[in-house]
Amino acid sequence: MVAVPPTPTRLGLRAEGIGTVLLATGYRPSHPWLRLSVTAPDGTIAQRRGVTSAPGVYVVGQRFQHRRDSGYIDGARHNAQAVVAHLLGRAAPLVPTLPAANAAPTS
C-alpha cells in the first residue's frame, strides 16, 4: 500500500514558483471558491479573450466567453488560442474592468 499525503487546502503560488493560473471554468458560472475580485455581477469571470484583471489569471471555457460555442470543448480551443497568444506576447494587452458596485447603469 502506498501512503497518499492529504490534499492541500492552500498553495503559496510565489513560494511554488507559479506565475500563471488558467481556470477552465466549464459551462455553469459558479465560483464560490474563487477569492479574487474578478467575478462579474452575473457570476461569470470578467475577462476579455480570457485575460482577467488579476495578473497571471486567465480563463477558458466560459459559456459565451467570446463565441457562442466557448462553453464547449471545440469552442474553448479558440479561447485557449487567444490566451496562449497573450502569454507569448503576440496579442495586445486586454484587461477587462468590472463595473463599480455603486455605478449608475448605462443605457
PDB file of N, CA and C in Angstrom:
ATOM      1  N   MET A   1       0.842  -1.177   0.000  1.00  0.00           N
ATOM      2  CA  MET A   1       0.000   0.000   0.000  1.00  0.00           C
ATOM      3  C   MET A   1       0.889   1.242   0.000  1.00  0.00           C
ATOM      4  N   VAL A   2       0.483   2.242  -0.768  1.00  0.00           N
ATOM      5  CA  VAL A   2       1.222   3.491  -0.875  1.00  0.00           C
ATOM      6  C   VAL A   2       0.502   4.559  -0.067  1.00  0.00           C
ATOM      7  N   ALA A   3       1.257   5.239   0.772  1.00  0.00           N
ATOM      8  CA  ALA A   3       0.672   6.328   1.566  1.00  0.00           C
ATOM      9  C   ALA A   3       0.480   7.553   0.684  1.00  0.00           C
ATOM     10  N   VAL A   4      -0.719   8.114   0.710  1.00  0.00           N
ATOM     11  CA  VAL A   4      -1.038   9.301  -0.070  1.00  0.00           C
ATOM     12  C   VAL A   4      -1.151  10.483   0.887  1.00  0.00           C
ATOM     13  N   PRO A   5      -0.363  11.552   0.643  1.00  0.00           N
ATOM     14  CA  PRO A   5      -0.448  12.705   1.542  1.00  0.00           C
ATOM     15  C   PRO A   5      -1.797  13.402   1.396  1.00  0.00           C
ATOM     16  N   PRO A   6      -2.219  14.117   2.428  1.00  0.00           N
ATOM     17  CA  PRO A   6      -3.501  14.821   2.344  1.00  0.00           C
ATOM     18  C   PRO A   6      -3.462  15.905   1.265  1.00  0.00           C
ATOM     19  N   THR A   7      -4.607  16.180   0.688  1.00  0.00           N
ATOM     20  CA  THR A   7      -4.722  17.217  -0.332  1.00  0.00           C
ATOM     21  C   THR A   7      -4.563  18.577   0.324  1.00  0.00           C
ATOM     22  N   PRO A   8      -3.694  19.425  -0.229  1.00  0.00           N
ATOM     23  CA  PRO A   8      -3.533  20.758   0.375  1.00  0.00           C
ATOM     24  C   PRO A   8      -4.785  21.600   0.171  1.00  0.00           C
ATOM     25  N   THR A   9      -5.075  22.455   1.127  1.00  0.00           N
ATOM     26  CA  THR A   9      -6.222  23.362   1.012  1.00  0.00           C
ATOM     27  C   THR A   9      -5.772  24.759   0.611  1.00  0.00           C
ATOM     28  N   ARG A  10      -4.485  25.021   0.687  1.00  0.00           N
ATOM     29  CA  ARG A  10      -3.915  26.307   0.284  1.00  0.00           C
ATOM     30  C   ARG A  10      -2.595  26.046  -0.434  1.00  0.00           C
ATOM     31  N   LEU A  11      -2.236  27.000  -1.286  1.00  0.00           N
ATOM     32  CA  LEU A  11      -0.994  26.868  -2.027  1.00  0.00           C
ATOM     33  C   LEU A  11      -0.385  28.250  -2.181  1.00  0.00           C
ATOM     34  N   GLY A  12       0.854  28.401  -1.766  1.00  0.00           N
ATOM     35  CA  GLY A  12       1.568  29.668  -1.937  1.00  0.00           C
ATOM     36  C   GLY A  12       2.139  29.724  -3.345  1.00  0.00           C
ATOM     37  N   LEU A  13       1.471  30.469  -4.232  1.00  0.00           N
ATOM     38  CA  LEU A  13       1.885  30.500  -5.631  1.00  0.00           C
ATOM     39  C   LEU A  13       3.314  31.006  -5.798  1.00  0.00           C
ATOM     40  N   ARG A  14       3.655  32.093  -5.150  1.00  0.00           N
ATOM     41  CA  ARG A  14       5.022  32.618  -5.260  1.00  0.00           C
ATOM     42  C   ARG A  14       6.036  31.624  -4.722  1.00  0.00           C
ATOM     43  N   ALA A  15       5.728  31.043  -3.573  1.00  0.00           N
ATOM     44  CA  ALA A  15       6.653  30.082  -2.964  1.00  0.00           C
ATOM     45  C   ALA A  15       6.877  28.867  -3.856  1.00  0.00           C
ATOM     46  N   GLU A  16       5.869  28.499  -4.626  1.00  0.00           N
ATOM     47  CA  GLU A  16       5.969  27.350  -5.513  1.00  0.00           C
ATOM     48  C   GLU A  16       6.446  27.717  -6.918  1.00  0.00           C
ATOM     49  N   GLY A  17       6.683  29.021  -7.163  1.00  0.00           N
ATOM     50  CA  GLY A  17       7.158  29.472  -8.468  1.00  0.00           C
ATOM     51  C   GLY A  17       6.094  29.447  -9.557  1.00  0.00           C
ATOM     52  N   ILE A  18       4.836  29.588  -9.162  1.00  0.00           N
ATOM     53  CA  ILE A  18       3.719  29.573 -10.118  1.00  0.00           C
ATOM     54  C   ILE A  18       3.333  31.007 -10.434  1.00  0.00           C
ATOM     55  N   GLY A  19       3.398  31.388 -11.718  1.00  0.00           N
ATOM     56  CA  GLY A  19       3.081  32.748 -12.117  1.00  0.00           C
ATOM     57  C   GLY A  19       1.844  32.866 -12.981  1.00  0.00           C
ATOM     58  N   THR A  20       1.306  31.724 -13.411  1.00  0.00           N
ATOM     59  CA  THR A  20       0.124  31.732 -14.270  1.00  0.00           C
ATOM     60  C   THR A  20      -0.862  30.688 -13.779  1.00  0.00           C
ATOM     61  N   VAL A  21      -2.129  31.096 -13.704  1.00  0.00           N
ATOM     62  CA  VAL A  21      -3.205  30.178 -13.340  1.00  0.00           C
ATOM     63  C   VAL A  21      -4.251  30.249 -14.447  1.00  0.00           C
ATOM     64  N   LEU A  22      -4.586  29.103 -15.000  1.00  0.00           N
ATOM     65  CA  LEU A  22      -5.593  29.030 -16.056  1.00  0.00           C
ATOM     66  C   LEU A  22      -6.820  28.334 -15.486  1.00  0.00           C
ATOM     67  N   LEU A  23      -7.934  29.050 -15.455  1.00  0.00           N
ATOM     68  CA  LEU A  23      -9.176  28.492 -14.948  1.00  0.00           C
ATOM     69  C   LEU A  23      -9.991  27.940 -16.117  1.00  0.00           C
ATOM     70  N   ALA A  24     -10.189  26.643 -16.137  1.00  0.00           N
ATOM     71  CA  ALA A  24     -11.063  26.014 -17.127  1.00  0.00           C
ATOM     72  C   ALA A  24     -12.402  25.865 -16.422  1.00  0.00           C
ATOM     73  N   THR A  25     -13.294  26.811 -16.674  1.00  0.00           N
ATOM     74  CA  THR A  25     -14.450  27.019 -15.805  1.00  0.00           C
ATOM     75  C   THR A  25     -15.651  26.145 -16.056  1.00  0.00           C
ATOM     76  N   GLY A  26     -15.781  25.629 -17.242  1.00  0.00           N
ATOM     77  CA  GLY A  26     -16.955  24.815 -17.518  1.00  0.00           C
ATOM     78  C   GLY A  26     -18.165  25.641 -17.885  1.00  0.00           C
ATOM     79  N   TYR A  27     -19.271  24.994 -17.981  1.00  0.00           N
ATOM     80  CA  TYR A  27     -20.468  25.574 -18.573  1.00  0.00           C
ATOM     81  C   TYR A  27     -21.245  26.507 -17.649  1.00  0.00           C
ATOM     82  N   ARG A  28     -21.315  26.181 -16.363  1.00  0.00           N
ATOM     83  CA  ARG A  28     -22.130  26.970 -15.432  1.00  0.00           C
ATOM     84  C   ARG A  28     -21.272  27.918 -14.604  1.00  0.00           C
ATOM     85  N   PRO A  29     -21.678  29.182 -14.480  1.00  0.00           N
ATOM     86  CA  PRO A  29     -20.893  30.133 -13.692  1.00  0.00           C
ATOM     87  C   PRO A  29     -21.136  29.964 -12.194  1.00  0.00           C
ATOM     88  N   SER A  30     -20.263  29.246 -11.539  1.00  0.00           N
ATOM     89  CA  SER A  30     -20.346  29.088 -10.091  1.00  0.00           C
ATOM     90  C   SER A  30     -18.914  29.001  -9.570  1.00  0.00           C
ATOM     91  N   HIS A  31     -18.476  30.075  -8.948  1.00  0.00           N
ATOM     92  CA  HIS A  31     -17.092  30.141  -8.493  1.00  0.00           C
ATOM     93  C   HIS A  31     -16.998  30.613  -7.042  1.00  0.00           C
ATOM     94  N   PRO A  32     -17.727  29.993  -6.109  1.00  0.00           N
ATOM     95  CA  PRO A  32     -17.684  30.466  -4.730  1.00  0.00           C
ATOM     96  C   PRO A  32     -16.307  30.278  -4.088  1.00  0.00           C
ATOM     97  N   TRP A  33     -15.504  29.429  -4.635  1.00  0.00           N
ATOM     98  CA  TRP A  33     -14.165  29.142  -4.121  1.00  0.00           C
ATOM     99  C   TRP A  33     -13.136  30.165  -4.596  1.00  0.00           C
ATOM    100  N   LEU A  34     -13.480  30.975  -5.588  1.00  0.00           N
ATOM    101  CA  LEU A  34     -12.544  31.918  -6.182  1.00  0.00           C
ATOM    102  C   LEU A  34     -12.480  33.179  -5.330  1.00  0.00           C
ATOM    103  N   ARG A  35     -11.345  33.420  -4.728  1.00  0.00           N
ATOM    104  CA  ARG A  35     -11.192  34.566  -3.829  1.00  0.00           C
ATOM    105  C   ARG A  35     -10.391  35.684  -4.495  1.00  0.00           C
ATOM    106  N   LEU A  36     -10.849  36.072  -5.673  1.00  0.00           N
ATOM    107  CA  LEU A  36     -10.269  37.188  -6.417  1.00  0.00           C
ATOM    108  C   LEU A  36     -11.412  38.088  -6.854  1.00  0.00           C
ATOM    109  N   SER A  37     -11.133  39.357  -7.013  1.00  0.00           N
ATOM    110  CA  SER A  37     -12.203  40.271  -7.417  1.00  0.00           C
ATOM    111  C   SER A  37     -12.316  40.317  -8.944  1.00  0.00           C
ATOM    112  N   VAL A  38     -12.561  39.175  -9.545  1.00  0.00           N
ATOM    113  CA  VAL A  38     -12.701  39.095 -10.998  1.00  0.00           C
ATOM    114  C   VAL A  38     -14.080  38.601 -11.418  1.00  0.00           C
ATOM    115  N   THR A  39     -14.963  38.403 -10.463  1.00  0.00           N
ATOM    116  CA  THR A  39     -16.289  37.889 -10.773  1.00  0.00           C
ATOM    117  C   THR A  39     -17.238  39.033 -11.117  1.00  0.00           C
ATOM    118  N   ALA A  40     -17.891  38.907 -12.262  1.00  0.00           N
ATOM    119  CA  ALA A  40     -18.862  39.908 -12.712  1.00  0.00           C
ATOM    120  C   ALA A  40     -20.186  39.715 -11.971  1.00  0.00           C
ATOM    121  N   PRO A  41     -21.078  40.710 -12.009  1.00  0.00           N
ATOM    122  CA  PRO A  41     -22.365  40.596 -11.312  1.00  0.00           C
ATOM    123  C   PRO A  41     -23.189  39.368 -11.714  1.00  0.00           C
ATOM    124  N   ASP A  42     -23.027  38.891 -12.943  1.00  0.00           N
ATOM    125  CA  ASP A  42     -23.805  37.735 -13.381  1.00  0.00           C
ATOM    126  C   ASP A  42     -23.173  36.399 -12.994  1.00  0.00           C
ATOM    127  N   GLY A  43     -22.078  36.430 -12.238  1.00  0.00           N
ATOM    128  CA  GLY A  43     -21.441  35.205 -11.770  1.00  0.00           C
ATOM    129  C   GLY A  43     -20.317  34.699 -12.655  1.00  0.00           C
ATOM    130  N   THR A  44     -20.190  35.257 -13.849  1.00  0.00           N
ATOM    131  CA  THR A  44     -19.092  34.846 -14.718  1.00  0.00           C
ATOM    132  C   THR A  44     -17.802  35.529 -14.273  1.00  0.00           C
ATOM    133  N   ILE A  45     -16.702  35.071 -14.807  1.00  0.00           N
ATOM    134  CA  ILE A  45     -15.425  35.713 -14.539  1.00  0.00           C
ATOM    135  C   ILE A  45     -15.231  36.801 -15.590  1.00  0.00           C
ATOM    136  N   ALA A  46     -15.064  38.036 -15.134  1.00  0.00           N
ATOM    137  CA  ALA A  46     -14.861  39.154 -16.053  1.00  0.00           C
ATOM    138  C   ALA A  46     -13.542  38.954 -16.774  1.00  0.00           C
ATOM    139  N   GLN A  47     -13.597  38.991 -18.087  1.00  0.00           N
ATOM    140  CA  GLN A  47     -12.411  38.734 -18.890  1.00  0.00           C
ATOM    141  C   GLN A  47     -12.610  39.321 -20.269  1.00  0.00           C
ATOM    142  N   ARG A  48     -11.537  39.419 -20.974  1.00  0.00           N
ATOM    143  CA  ARG A  48     -11.597  39.785 -22.379  1.00  0.00           C
ATOM    144  C   ARG A  48     -10.631  38.868 -23.092  1.00  0.00           C
ATOM    145  N   ARG A  49     -11.191  37.990 -23.915  1.00  0.00           N
ATOM    146  CA  ARG A  49     -10.411  36.975 -24.629  1.00  0.00           C
ATOM    147  C   ARG A  49      -9.594  36.118 -23.670  1.00  0.00           C
ATOM    148  N   GLY A  50     -10.152  35.887 -22.461  1.00  0.00           N
ATOM    149  CA  GLY A  50      -9.518  35.008 -21.481  1.00  0.00           C
ATOM    150  C   GLY A  50      -8.612  35.694 -20.490  1.00  0.00           C
ATOM    151  N   VAL A  51      -8.325  36.976 -20.697  1.00  0.00           N
ATOM    152  CA  VAL A  51      -7.438  37.727 -19.808  1.00  0.00           C
ATOM    153  C   VAL A  51      -8.288  38.405 -18.744  1.00  0.00           C
ATOM    154  N   THR A  52      -7.985  38.165 -17.480  1.00  0.00           N
ATOM    155  CA  THR A  52      -8.716  38.805 -16.387  1.00  0.00           C
ATOM    156  C   THR A  52      -7.940  40.012 -15.882  1.00  0.00           C
ATOM    157  N   SER A  53      -8.531  40.751 -14.964  1.00  0.00           N
ATOM    158  CA  SER A  53      -7.855  41.914 -14.376  1.00  0.00           C
ATOM    159  C   SER A  53      -6.830  41.508 -13.322  1.00  0.00           C
ATOM    160  N   ALA A  54      -6.837  40.251 -12.899  1.00  0.00           N
ATOM    161  CA  ALA A  54      -5.856  39.759 -11.928  1.00  0.00           C
ATOM    162  C   ALA A  54      -4.613  39.285 -12.686  1.00  0.00           C
ATOM    163  N   PRO A  55      -3.465  39.870 -12.419  1.00  0.00           N
ATOM    164  CA  PRO A  55      -2.255  39.484 -13.135  1.00  0.00           C
ATOM    165  C   PRO A  55      -1.980  37.983 -13.036  1.00  0.00           C
ATOM    166  N   GLY A  56      -1.774  37.357 -14.182  1.00  0.00           N
ATOM    167  CA  GLY A  56      -1.437  35.941 -14.217  1.00  0.00           C
ATOM    168  C   GLY A  56      -2.617  34.991 -14.148  1.00  0.00           C
ATOM    169  N   VAL A  57      -3.841  35.516 -14.101  1.00  0.00           N
ATOM    170  CA  VAL A  57      -5.037  34.673 -14.025  1.00  0.00           C
ATOM    171  C   VAL A  57      -5.797  34.759 -15.346  1.00  0.00           C
ATOM    172  N   TYR A  58      -6.034  33.594 -15.947  1.00  0.00           N
ATOM    173  CA  TYR A  58      -6.691  33.510 -17.249  1.00  0.00           C
ATOM    174  C   TYR A  58      -7.845  32.521 -17.157  1.00  0.00           C
ATOM    175  N   VAL A  59      -8.766  32.613 -18.103  1.00  0.00           N
ATOM    176  CA  VAL A  59      -9.938  31.744 -18.080  1.00  0.00           C
ATOM    177  C   VAL A  59     -10.259  31.273 -19.494  1.00  0.00           C
ATOM    178  N   VAL A  60     -10.676  30.028 -19.601  1.00  0.00           N
ATOM    179  CA  VAL A  60     -11.195  29.484 -20.859  1.00  0.00           C
ATOM    180  C   VAL A  60     -12.432  28.651 -20.534  1.00  0.00           C
ATOM    181  N   GLY A  61     -13.298  28.509 -21.515  1.00  0.00           N
ATOM    182  CA  GLY A  61     -14.439  27.613 -21.377  1.00  0.00           C
ATOM    183  C   GLY A  61     -15.709  28.201 -20.810  1.00  0.00           C
ATOM    184  N   GLN A  62     -15.728  29.504 -20.542  1.00  0.00           N
ATOM    185  CA  GLN A  62     -16.976  30.094 -20.055  1.00  0.00           C
ATOM    186  C   GLN A  62     -18.012  30.120 -21.170  1.00  0.00           C
ATOM    187  N   ARG A  63     -19.233  29.920 -20.805  1.00  0.00           N
ATOM    188  CA  ARG A  63     -20.324  29.998 -21.765  1.00  0.00           C
ATOM    189  C   ARG A  63     -20.354  31.405 -22.370  1.00  0.00           C
ATOM    190  N   PHE A  64     -20.367  31.486 -23.677  1.00  0.00           N
ATOM    191  CA  PHE A  64     -20.361  32.753 -24.411  1.00  0.00           C
ATOM    192  C   PHE A  64     -19.166  33.639 -24.041  1.00  0.00           C
ATOM    193  N   GLN A  65     -18.037  33.034 -23.743  1.00  0.00           N
ATOM    194  CA  GLN A  65     -16.845  33.805 -23.374  1.00  0.00           C
ATOM    195  C   GLN A  65     -16.460  34.787 -24.471  1.00  0.00           C
ATOM    196  N   HIS A  66     -16.371  34.310 -25.669  1.00  0.00           N
ATOM    197  CA  HIS A  66     -16.131  35.198 -26.805  1.00  0.00           C
ATOM    198  C   HIS A  66     -16.973  34.780 -28.001  1.00  0.00           C
ATOM    199  N   ARG A  67     -17.285  33.511 -28.055  1.00  0.00           N
ATOM    200  CA  ARG A  67     -18.084  32.957 -29.142  1.00  0.00           C
ATOM    201  C   ARG A  67     -19.243  32.170 -28.541  1.00  0.00           C
ATOM    202  N   ARG A  68     -20.198  31.895 -29.345  1.00  0.00           N
ATOM    203  CA  ARG A  68     -21.354  31.137 -28.869  1.00  0.00           C
ATOM    204  C   ARG A  68     -20.957  29.743 -28.389  1.00  0.00           C
ATOM    205  N   ASP A  69     -19.938  29.152 -29.005  1.00  0.00           N
ATOM    206  CA  ASP A  69     -19.533  27.794 -28.640  1.00  0.00           C
ATOM    207  C   ASP A  69     -18.404  27.746 -27.603  1.00  0.00           C
ATOM    208  N   SER A  70     -18.108  28.867 -26.945  1.00  0.00           N
ATOM    209  CA  SER A  70     -16.995  28.922 -25.990  1.00  0.00           C
ATOM    210  C   SER A  70     -17.131  27.942 -24.830  1.00  0.00           C
ATOM    211  N   GLY A  71     -18.335  27.606 -24.444  1.00  0.00           N
ATOM    212  CA  GLY A  71     -18.541  26.710 -23.312  1.00  0.00           C
ATOM    213  C   GLY A  71     -18.403  25.239 -23.653  1.00  0.00           C
ATOM    214  N   TYR A  72     -18.127  24.947 -24.906  1.00  0.00           N
ATOM    215  CA  TYR A  72     -17.956  23.556 -25.343  1.00  0.00           C
ATOM    216  C   TYR A  72     -16.493  23.301 -25.665  1.00  0.00           C
ATOM    217  N   ILE A  73     -16.083  22.049 -25.611  1.00  0.00           N
ATOM    218  CA  ILE A  73     -14.682  21.704 -25.834  1.00  0.00           C
ATOM    219  C   ILE A  73     -14.184  22.253 -27.168  1.00  0.00           C
ATOM    220  N   ASP A  74     -14.938  22.055 -28.226  1.00  0.00           N
ATOM    221  CA  ASP A  74     -14.478  22.518 -29.531  1.00  0.00           C
ATOM    222  C   ASP A  74     -14.390  24.039 -29.596  1.00  0.00           C
ATOM    223  N   GLY A  75     -15.255  24.727 -28.912  1.00  0.00           N
ATOM    224  CA  GLY A  75     -15.228  26.189 -28.922  1.00  0.00           C
ATOM    225  C   GLY A  75     -14.187  26.760 -27.981  1.00  0.00           C
ATOM    226  N   ALA A  76     -13.917  26.076 -26.880  1.00  0.00           N
ATOM    227  CA  ALA A  76     -12.934  26.560 -25.908  1.00  0.00           C
ATOM    228  C   ALA A  76     -11.539  26.653 -26.516  1.00  0.00           C
ATOM    229  N   ARG A  77     -11.309  25.898 -27.580  1.00  0.00           N
ATOM    230  CA  ARG A  77      -9.985  25.941 -28.208  1.00  0.00           C
ATOM    231  C   ARG A  77      -9.673  27.338 -28.740  1.00  0.00           C
ATOM    232  N   HIS A  78     -10.690  28.055 -29.181  1.00  0.00           N
ATOM    233  CA  HIS A  78     -10.470  29.418 -29.670  1.00  0.00           C
ATOM    234  C   HIS A  78     -10.062  30.338 -28.518  1.00  0.00           C
ATOM    235  N   ASN A  79     -10.703  30.156 -27.360  1.00  0.00           N
ATOM    236  CA  ASN A  79     -10.333  30.930 -26.183  1.00  0.00           C
ATOM    237  C   ASN A  79      -8.914  30.591 -25.753  1.00  0.00           C
ATOM    238  N   ALA A  80      -8.574  29.315 -25.800  1.00  0.00           N
ATOM    239  CA  ALA A  80      -7.230  28.878 -25.412  1.00  0.00           C
ATOM    240  C   ALA A  80      -6.175  29.484 -26.339  1.00  0.00           C
ATOM    241  N   GLN A  81      -6.467  29.550 -27.626  1.00  0.00           N
ATOM    242  CA  GLN A  81      -5.528  30.155 -28.577  1.00  0.00           C
ATOM    243  C   GLN A  81      -5.280  31.621 -28.236  1.00  0.00           C
ATOM    244  N   ALA A  82      -6.329  32.337 -27.859  1.00  0.00           N
ATOM    245  CA  ALA A  82      -6.185  33.750 -27.503  1.00  0.00           C
ATOM    246  C   ALA A  82      -5.345  33.914 -26.238  1.00  0.00           C
ATOM    247  N   VAL A  83      -5.546  33.039 -25.256  1.00  0.00           N
ATOM    248  CA  VAL A  83      -4.770  33.102 -24.012  1.00  0.00           C
ATOM    249  C   VAL A  83      -3.298  32.804 -24.299  1.00  0.00           C
ATOM    250  N   VAL A  84      -3.037  31.790 -25.079  1.00  0.00           N
ATOM    251  CA  VAL A  84      -1.652  31.444 -25.413  1.00  0.00           C
ATOM    252  C   VAL A  84      -0.984  32.594 -26.169  1.00  0.00           C
ATOM    253  N   ALA A  85      -1.700  33.203 -27.109  1.00  0.00           N
ATOM    254  CA  ALA A  85      -1.143  34.342 -27.842  1.00  0.00           C
ATOM    255  C   ALA A  85      -0.788  35.472 -26.878  1.00  0.00           C
ATOM    256  N   HIS A  86      -1.648  35.712 -25.900  1.00  0.00           N
ATOM    257  CA  HIS A  86      -1.370  36.751 -24.902  1.00  0.00           C
ATOM    258  C   HIS A  86      -0.131  36.388 -24.081  1.00  0.00           C
ATOM    259  N   LEU A  87      -0.051  35.147 -23.627  1.00  0.00           N
ATOM    260  CA  LEU A  87       1.090  34.709 -22.819  1.00  0.00           C
ATOM    261  C   LEU A  87       2.402  34.796 -23.588  1.00  0.00           C
ATOM    262  N   LEU A  88       2.347  34.561 -24.885  1.00  0.00           N
ATOM    263  CA  LEU A  88       3.552  34.627 -25.713  1.00  0.00           C
ATOM    264  C   LEU A  88       3.854  36.043 -26.195  1.00  0.00           C
ATOM    265  N   GLY A  89       3.001  36.996 -25.801  1.00  0.00           N
ATOM    266  CA  GLY A  89       3.224  38.383 -26.180  1.00  0.00           C
ATOM    267  C   GLY A  89       2.848  38.697 -27.611  1.00  0.00           C
ATOM    268  N   ARG A  90       2.003  37.865 -28.200  1.00  0.00           N
ATOM    269  CA  ARG A  90       1.594  38.063 -29.587  1.00  0.00           C
ATOM    270  C   ARG A  90       0.258  38.782 -29.707  1.00  0.00           C
ATOM    271  N   ALA A  91      -0.331  39.116 -28.604  1.00  0.00           N
ATOM    272  CA  ALA A  91      -1.631  39.787 -28.623  1.00  0.00           C
ATOM    273  C   ALA A  91      -1.522  41.077 -27.815  1.00  0.00           C
ATOM    274  N   ALA A  92      -2.317  42.050 -28.181  1.00  0.00           N
ATOM    275  CA  ALA A  92      -2.346  43.302 -27.430  1.00  0.00           C
ATOM    276  C   ALA A  92      -2.880  43.028 -26.027  1.00  0.00           C
ATOM    277  N   PRO A  93      -2.375  43.739 -25.026  1.00  0.00           N
ATOM    278  CA  PRO A  93      -2.887  43.529 -23.676  1.00  0.00           C
ATOM    279  C   PRO A  93      -4.382  43.817 -23.611  1.00  0.00           C
ATOM    280  N   LEU A  94      -5.119  42.911 -23.035  1.00  0.00           N
ATOM    281  CA  LEU A  94      -6.567  43.056 -22.904  1.00  0.00           C
ATOM    282  C   LEU A  94      -6.921  42.879 -21.443  1.00  0.00           C
ATOM    283  N   VAL A  95      -7.182  43.940 -20.748  1.00  0.00           N
ATOM    284  CA  VAL A  95      -7.516  43.833 -19.332  1.00  0.00           C
ATOM    285  C   VAL A  95      -8.930  44.347 -19.140  1.00  0.00           C
ATOM    286  N   PRO A  96      -9.841  43.480 -18.726  1.00  0.00           N
ATOM    287  CA  PRO A  96     -11.222  43.905 -18.506  1.00  0.00           C
ATOM    288  C   PRO A  96     -11.346  44.698 -17.218  1.00  0.00           C
ATOM    289  N   THR A  97     -12.396  45.460 -17.128  1.00  0.00           N
ATOM    290  CA  THR A  97     -12.684  46.175 -15.891  1.00  0.00           C
ATOM    291  C   THR A  97     -14.076  45.785 -15.431  1.00  0.00           C
ATOM    292  N   LEU A  98     -14.225  45.658 -14.139  1.00  0.00           N
ATOM    293  CA  LEU A  98     -15.530  45.361 -13.558  1.00  0.00           C
ATOM    294  C   LEU A  98     -16.262  46.672 -13.316  1.00  0.00           C
ATOM    295  N   PRO A  99     -17.585  46.677 -13.514  1.00  0.00           N
ATOM    296  CA  PRO A  99     -18.332  47.899 -13.202  1.00  0.00           C
ATOM    297  C   PRO A  99     -18.286  48.157 -11.696  1.00  0.00           C
ATOM    298  N   ALA A 100     -18.205  49.421 -11.324  1.00  0.00           N
ATOM    299  CA  ALA A 100     -18.209  49.775  -9.912  1.00  0.00           C
ATOM    300  C   ALA A 100     -19.525  49.356  -9.290  1.00  0.00           C
ATOM    301  N   ALA A 101     -19.463  48.919  -8.056  1.00  0.00           N
ATOM    302  CA  ALA A 101     -20.664  48.433  -7.358  1.00  0.00           C
ATOM    303  C   ALA A 101     -21.743  49.500  -7.247  1.00  0.00           C
ATOM    304  N   ASN A 102     -21.330  50.754  -7.135  1.00  0.00           N
ATOM    305  CA  ASN A 102     -22.317  51.825  -6.976  1.00  0.00           C
ATOM    306  C   ASN A 102     -22.468  52.682  -8.225  1.00  0.00           C
ATOM    307  N   ALA A 103     -21.971  52.189  -9.354  1.00  0.00           N
ATOM    308  CA  ALA A 103     -22.065  52.964 -10.602  1.00  0.00           C
ATOM    309  C   ALA A 103     -23.501  52.954 -11.121  1.00  0.00           C
ATOM    310  N   ALA A 104     -23.866  54.064 -11.721  1.00  0.00           N
ATOM    311  CA  ALA A 104     -25.203  54.145 -12.324  1.00  0.00           C
ATOM    312  C   ALA A 104     -25.236  53.304 -13.583  1.00  0.00           C
ATOM    313  N   PRO A 105     -26.335  52.609 -13.850  1.00  0.00           N
ATOM    314  CA  PRO A 105     -26.407  51.800 -15.060  1.00  0.00           C
ATOM    315  C   PRO A 105     -26.321  52.666 -16.299  1.00  0.00           C
ATOM    316  N   THR A 106     -25.686  52.113 -17.318  1.00  0.00           N
ATOM    317  CA  THR A 106     -25.596  52.838 -18.586  1.00  0.00           C
ATOM    318  C   THR A 106     -26.640  52.297 -19.540  1.00  0.00           C
ATOM    319  N   SER A 107     -27.109  53.138 -20.422  1.00  0.00           N
ATOM    320  CA  SER A 107     -28.122  52.678 -21.374  1.00  0.00           C
ATOM    321  C   SER A 107     -27.643  52.806 -22.782  1.00  0.00           C
TER     322      SER A 107
END
